[in-house]
Amino acid sequence: MSIPVHCAHTRLVDPNTLKPNPVNPNRHSAHQIQLLASIIQEQGWRNPVTVSKRSGLIVRGHGRLEAALLIGCETIPVDEQDYASDAEELADLLADNRLSELAELDEDDLRKVLRSIQDADPDFDIELTGFMEDEIRKLMDDADNPEDELETIPRMECQAFETHDYLVFMFHDLRDWMQVLQLMGVREVDYSITRRTKKIGLGRVLHGKRLIELCRRAAMAGTPPALTPPGDPVTQPEPLDHQPQAVSDGNPARARKRG
């Protein structure tokens, strides 16, 4: 089967001659391979299979190779790359899948893109986007029925006698989260806590933008960020376009007024 090639590549090769990396930890379901095969047949080759010149093994594109074998491709595009060491090669193999997993989908933007595809070509097979029809239907239904969304976490007020084992900050925008890490000088984050983790101790839930505001003020004043102490109500942060002005240490009257 001859399929158009639209991507840059080193050469075209017989897929039966390629060697998958035996230590590749990624497993592709039959459904995923079938979906990949359908996309390749419809769209042509948009991404090559990456092969290491060092080992001769596949680094990226194990799933694409399986899809090509499924539909009987005679040749597929291959991108041959140099790797300085085995460690560099294996790191690229893992990062190829891991980095895409860390991306977050904005559901509102996703709905807009899906609608624009349907408006541009009503006969286009929408499942070639990687989303199944039932997933798309549910996504559109959620937009029409906002009351069905997850209920928000209620605001928690501190009491004078309370002590807290942890604080949870909610970020609705990944860029805000990355900005906080930069402002606080955090270089490593433990992502091991998940929704299945059991709750231990007494905690607080605060709006992430409140932390951004505190970090900005601390950075401007040259002092570490201080969170709202127990007993004080948590005020809503000002809009991001409002830049709080640093208070001069030589003017205590202004400092008391702003406090």
Protein backbone atom coordinates (compact mmCIF):
# COMPACT_ATOMS: atom_id res chain seq x y z
CA MET A 1 0.00 0.00 0.00
CA SER A 2 1.41 3.38 -1.05
CA ILE A 3 0.58 6.28 1.28
CA PRO A 4 1.55 9.92 0.68
CA VAL A 5 4.45 11.23 2.78
CA HIS A 6 4.16 14.84 3.96
CA CYS A 7 6.86 14.88 6.66
CA ALA A 8 10.61 15.39 6.50
CA HIS A 9 12.54 12.12 6.58
CA THR A 10 15.92 10.58 5.88
CA ARG A 11 14.73 7.73 3.69
CA LEU A 12 11.87 5.33 3.00
CA VAL A 13 12.32 1.79 4.30
CA ASP A 14 10.48 -1.51 4.47
CA PRO A 15 8.71 -1.52 7.90
CA ASN A 16 9.50 -5.22 8.29
CA THR A 17 13.20 -4.38 8.51
CA LEU A 18 12.84 -1.98 11.46
CA LYS A 19 13.71 -3.09 15.00
CA PRO A 20 11.58 -1.93 17.95
CA ASN A 21 13.49 -1.19 21.14
CA PRO A 22 12.92 -4.20 23.45
CA VAL A 23 13.02 -2.03 26.59
CA ASN A 24 10.32 0.36 25.37
CA PRO A 25 7.84 0.54 28.31
CA ASN A 26 4.97 2.02 26.30
CA ARG A 27 2.18 -0.36 25.38
CA HIS A 28 -0.27 0.41 22.58
CA SER A 29 -3.79 -1.00 22.70
CA ALA A 30 -5.41 -2.56 19.64
CA HIS A 31 -7.84 0.38 19.57
CA GLN A 32 -4.98 2.90 19.51
CA ILE A 33 -3.18 1.06 16.71
CA GLN A 34 -6.38 0.88 14.67
CA LEU A 35 -6.94 4.61 15.19
CA LEU A 36 -3.36 5.39 14.16
CA ALA A 37 -3.79 3.24 11.06
CA SER A 38 -6.98 5.09 10.10
CA ILE A 39 -5.30 8.48 10.55
CA ILE A 40 -2.29 7.45 8.45
CA GLN A 41 -4.54 6.11 5.68
CA GLU A 42 -6.63 9.28 5.63
CA GLN A 43 -3.99 11.95 6.28
CA GLY A 44 -0.82 10.30 4.99
CA TRP A 45 2.45 10.30 6.92
CA ARG A 46 2.73 13.43 9.07
CA ASN A 47 5.45 12.07 11.38
CA PRO A 48 8.30 9.68 10.57
CA VAL A 49 9.59 6.81 12.67
CA THR A 50 12.80 7.88 14.43
CA VAL A 51 15.65 5.36 14.33
CA SER A 52 18.94 5.63 16.22
CA LYS A 53 22.09 5.52 14.11
CA ARG A 54 23.89 4.32 17.23
CA SER A 55 21.84 1.18 17.94
CA GLY A 56 19.69 0.78 14.83
CA LEU A 57 16.61 0.59 17.10
CA ILE A 58 13.41 2.63 16.97
CA VAL A 59 13.37 5.56 19.40
CA ARG A 60 10.08 7.22 18.48
CA GLY A 61 7.18 5.80 16.55
CA HIS A 62 6.68 2.26 17.84
CA GLY A 63 2.93 2.73 17.51
CA ARG A 64 3.26 4.10 13.98
CA LEU A 65 5.27 1.05 13.00
CA GLU A 66 2.55 -1.28 14.33
CA ALA A 67 -0.09 0.72 12.44
CA ALA A 68 1.96 0.53 9.21
CA LEU A 69 2.28 -3.24 9.54
CA LEU A 70 -1.45 -3.52 10.21
CA ILE A 71 -2.42 -1.80 6.97
CA GLY A 72 0.36 -3.39 4.94
CA CYS A 73 2.54 -0.40 4.08
CA GLU A 74 5.35 -1.27 1.68
CA THR A 75 7.58 1.60 2.84
CA ILE A 76 7.44 4.15 5.65
CA PRO A 77 9.42 7.37 6.28
CA VAL A 78 12.32 7.06 8.72
CA ASP A 79 14.29 9.84 10.41
CA GLU A 80 17.75 8.59 11.38
CA GLN A 81 19.30 10.50 14.30
CA ASP A 82 22.60 10.52 16.18
CA TYR A 83 22.74 9.86 19.93
CA ALA A 84 25.89 10.37 21.99
CA SER A 85 25.12 7.57 24.45
CA ASP A 86 22.63 4.86 25.37
CA ALA A 87 21.35 7.09 28.18
CA GLU A 88 20.60 9.93 25.75
CA GLU A 89 18.80 7.56 23.40
CA LEU A 90 16.66 5.98 26.14
CA ALA A 91 15.83 9.38 27.64
CA ASP A 92 14.51 10.56 24.27
CA LEU A 93 12.45 7.36 23.99
CA LEU A 94 10.79 8.00 27.35
CA ALA A 95 10.34 11.75 26.87
CA ASP A 96 8.55 11.26 23.55
CA ASN A 97 5.49 9.92 25.36
CA ARG A 98 5.89 11.45 28.80
CA LEU A 99 5.96 15.09 27.66
CA SER A 100 2.70 14.74 25.76
CA GLU A 101 1.08 13.21 28.86
CA LEU A 102 1.93 16.34 30.87
CA ALA A 103 -0.04 18.61 28.53
CA GLU A 104 -3.45 19.86 29.67
CA LEU A 105 -6.46 20.29 27.43
CA ASP A 106 -8.54 23.43 27.74
CA GLU A 107 -12.03 22.04 27.19
CA ASP A 108 -13.46 25.35 25.96
CA ASP A 109 -10.74 25.69 23.32
CA LEU A 110 -11.14 22.01 22.42
CA ARG A 111 -14.85 22.51 21.77
CA LYS A 112 -14.06 25.49 19.52
CA VAL A 113 -11.56 23.48 17.47
CA LEU A 114 -13.90 20.51 17.11
CA ARG A 115 -16.77 22.80 16.04
CA SER A 116 -14.54 24.56 13.51
CA ILE A 117 -13.64 21.16 11.98
CA GLN A 118 -17.30 20.19 11.74
CA ASP A 119 -18.24 23.59 10.28
CA ALA A 120 -15.43 23.43 7.70
CA ASP A 121 -16.33 19.91 6.55
CA PRO A 122 -19.52 18.31 7.93
CA ASP A 123 -18.61 15.01 6.27
CA PHE A 124 -15.14 14.85 7.86
CA ASP A 125 -14.56 11.82 10.10
CA ILE A 126 -14.23 13.58 13.45
CA GLU A 127 -12.69 10.48 15.05
CA LEU A 128 -9.54 11.16 13.04
CA THR A 129 -8.80 13.78 15.73
CA GLY A 130 -8.22 10.93 18.18
CA PHE A 131 -11.47 11.59 20.05
CA MET A 132 -14.33 9.13 19.84
CA GLU A 133 -17.85 10.29 19.00
CA ASP A 134 -19.15 9.49 22.49
CA GLU A 135 -16.31 11.54 24.04
CA ILE A 136 -17.11 14.49 21.80
CA ARG A 137 -20.83 14.17 22.53
CA LYS A 138 -20.18 14.22 26.28
CA LEU A 139 -17.84 17.20 25.90
CA MET A 140 -20.51 19.17 24.05
CA ASP A 141 -23.23 18.10 26.51
CA ASP A 142 -21.11 19.32 29.44
CA ALA A 143 -20.93 22.75 27.82
CA ASP A 144 -24.73 22.84 27.48
CA ASN A 145 -25.27 21.59 31.06
CA PRO A 146 -22.75 23.38 33.31
CA GLU A 147 -24.58 22.18 36.42
CA ASP A 148 -23.32 18.68 35.68
CA GLU A 149 -19.70 19.75 36.18
CA LEU A 150 -17.78 18.87 39.32
CA GLU A 151 -18.96 21.00 42.20
CA THR A 152 -16.45 23.57 43.40
CA ILE A 153 -14.60 23.19 46.65
CA PRO A 154 -16.29 25.41 49.27
CA ARG A 155 -14.34 28.31 50.70
CA MET A 156 -12.78 27.43 54.04
CA GLU A 157 -12.34 30.12 56.68
CA CYS A 158 -9.54 29.80 59.23
CA GLN A 159 -10.41 29.70 62.90
CA ALA A 160 -8.08 31.01 65.60
CA PHE A 161 -7.63 27.58 67.16
CA GLU A 162 -6.90 25.76 63.90
CA THR A 163 -3.53 24.43 62.82
CA HIS A 164 -2.88 23.20 59.31
CA ASP A 165 -0.77 20.31 58.13
CA TYR A 166 -0.85 21.44 54.53
CA LEU A 167 -2.19 24.06 52.12
CA VAL A 168 -3.72 23.31 48.72
CA PHE A 169 -3.66 25.95 46.01
CA MET A 170 -5.98 25.54 43.05
CA PHE A 171 -4.70 26.75 39.66
CA HIS A 172 -7.05 26.96 36.69
CA ASP A 173 -4.23 27.93 34.34
CA LEU A 174 -0.98 25.97 33.98
CA ARG A 175 0.86 29.24 33.30
CA ASP A 176 -0.08 30.52 36.77
CA TRP A 177 1.32 27.32 38.30
CA MET A 178 4.60 27.68 36.39
CA GLN A 179 4.83 31.34 37.40
CA VAL A 180 4.49 30.44 41.08
CA LEU A 181 7.25 27.82 40.82
CA GLN A 182 9.52 30.46 39.29
CA LEU A 183 8.67 33.13 41.88
CA MET A 184 9.24 30.73 44.78
CA GLY A 185 12.44 29.31 43.29
CA VAL A 186 11.09 25.74 43.26
CA ARG A 187 13.29 23.45 41.15
CA GLU A 188 11.74 20.07 41.90
CA VAL A 189 8.09 19.11 42.45
CA ASP A 190 6.75 15.84 43.85
CA TYR A 191 3.83 14.84 41.62
CA SER A 192 3.14 11.64 43.59
CA ILE A 193 -0.02 13.02 45.24
CA THR A 194 -3.07 12.06 43.19
CA ARG A 195 -6.82 12.05 43.59
CA ARG A 196 -6.55 8.57 45.09
CA THR A 197 -4.21 9.73 47.84
CA LYS A 198 -5.89 9.58 51.25
CA LYS A 199 -6.41 12.87 53.04
CA ILE A 200 -4.26 13.20 56.14
CA GLY A 201 -4.61 16.00 58.68
CA LEU A 202 -6.42 19.30 58.43
CA GLY A 203 -5.88 21.39 55.35
CA ARG A 204 -6.83 24.62 53.64
CA VAL A 205 -7.82 25.22 50.02
CA LEU A 206 -6.88 28.61 48.60
CA HIS A 207 -7.14 30.22 45.19
CA GLY A 208 -3.85 29.91 43.30
CA LYS A 209 -3.93 33.58 42.27
CA ARG A 210 -3.68 34.50 45.96
CA LEU A 211 -0.30 32.76 46.10
CA ILE A 212 0.85 34.61 42.97
CA GLU A 213 -0.06 37.91 44.60
CA LEU A 214 1.85 37.05 47.78
CA CYS A 215 4.90 35.89 45.84
CA ARG A 216 4.94 39.06 43.74
CA ARG A 217 4.72 41.30 46.80
CA ALA A 218 7.48 39.35 48.53
CA ALA A 219 9.70 39.52 45.45
CA MET A 220 9.21 43.28 45.18
CA ALA A 221 9.85 43.83 48.89
CA GLY A 222 12.79 41.42 48.99
CA THR A 223 11.24 39.22 51.70
CA PRO A 224 10.01 35.61 51.70
CA PRO A 225 6.27 35.15 50.91
CA ALA A 226 4.06 34.95 54.01
CA LEU A 227 0.70 33.23 53.79
CA THR A 228 -2.39 34.58 55.50
CA PRO A 229 -2.15 33.63 59.22
CA PRO A 230 -4.89 31.57 60.90
CA GLY A 231 -7.80 33.73 61.97
CA ASP A 232 -7.57 36.21 59.12
CA PRO A 233 -10.11 35.91 56.29
CA VAL A 234 -8.76 35.03 52.86
CA THR A 235 -9.42 37.92 50.53
CA GLN A 236 -9.89 37.46 46.83
CA PRO A 237 -6.77 38.48 44.84
CA GLU A 238 -6.80 41.51 42.61
CA PRO A 239 -6.71 40.96 38.82
CA LEU A 240 -3.36 39.90 37.38
CA ASP A 241 -3.04 43.12 35.42
CA HIS A 242 -2.93 45.02 38.72
CA GLN A 243 0.67 45.23 39.91
CA PRO A 244 0.88 45.94 43.69
CA GLN A 245 3.46 48.62 44.54
CA ALA A 246 6.22 47.85 46.99
CA VAL A 247 6.06 49.76 50.30
CA SER A 248 9.19 51.69 51.21
CA ASP A 249 10.74 50.66 54.54
CA GLY A 250 11.39 54.30 55.31
CA ASN A 251 7.70 55.25 55.39
CA PRO A 252 5.99 53.42 58.30
CA ALA A 253 2.81 55.46 57.93
CA ARG A 254 2.24 54.15 54.43
CA ALA A 255 3.10 50.66 55.57
CA ARG A 256 0.44 50.80 58.28
CA LYS A 257 -2.10 52.17 55.82
CA ARG A 258 -1.50 49.39 53.30
CA GLY A 259 -1.53 46.73 56.01
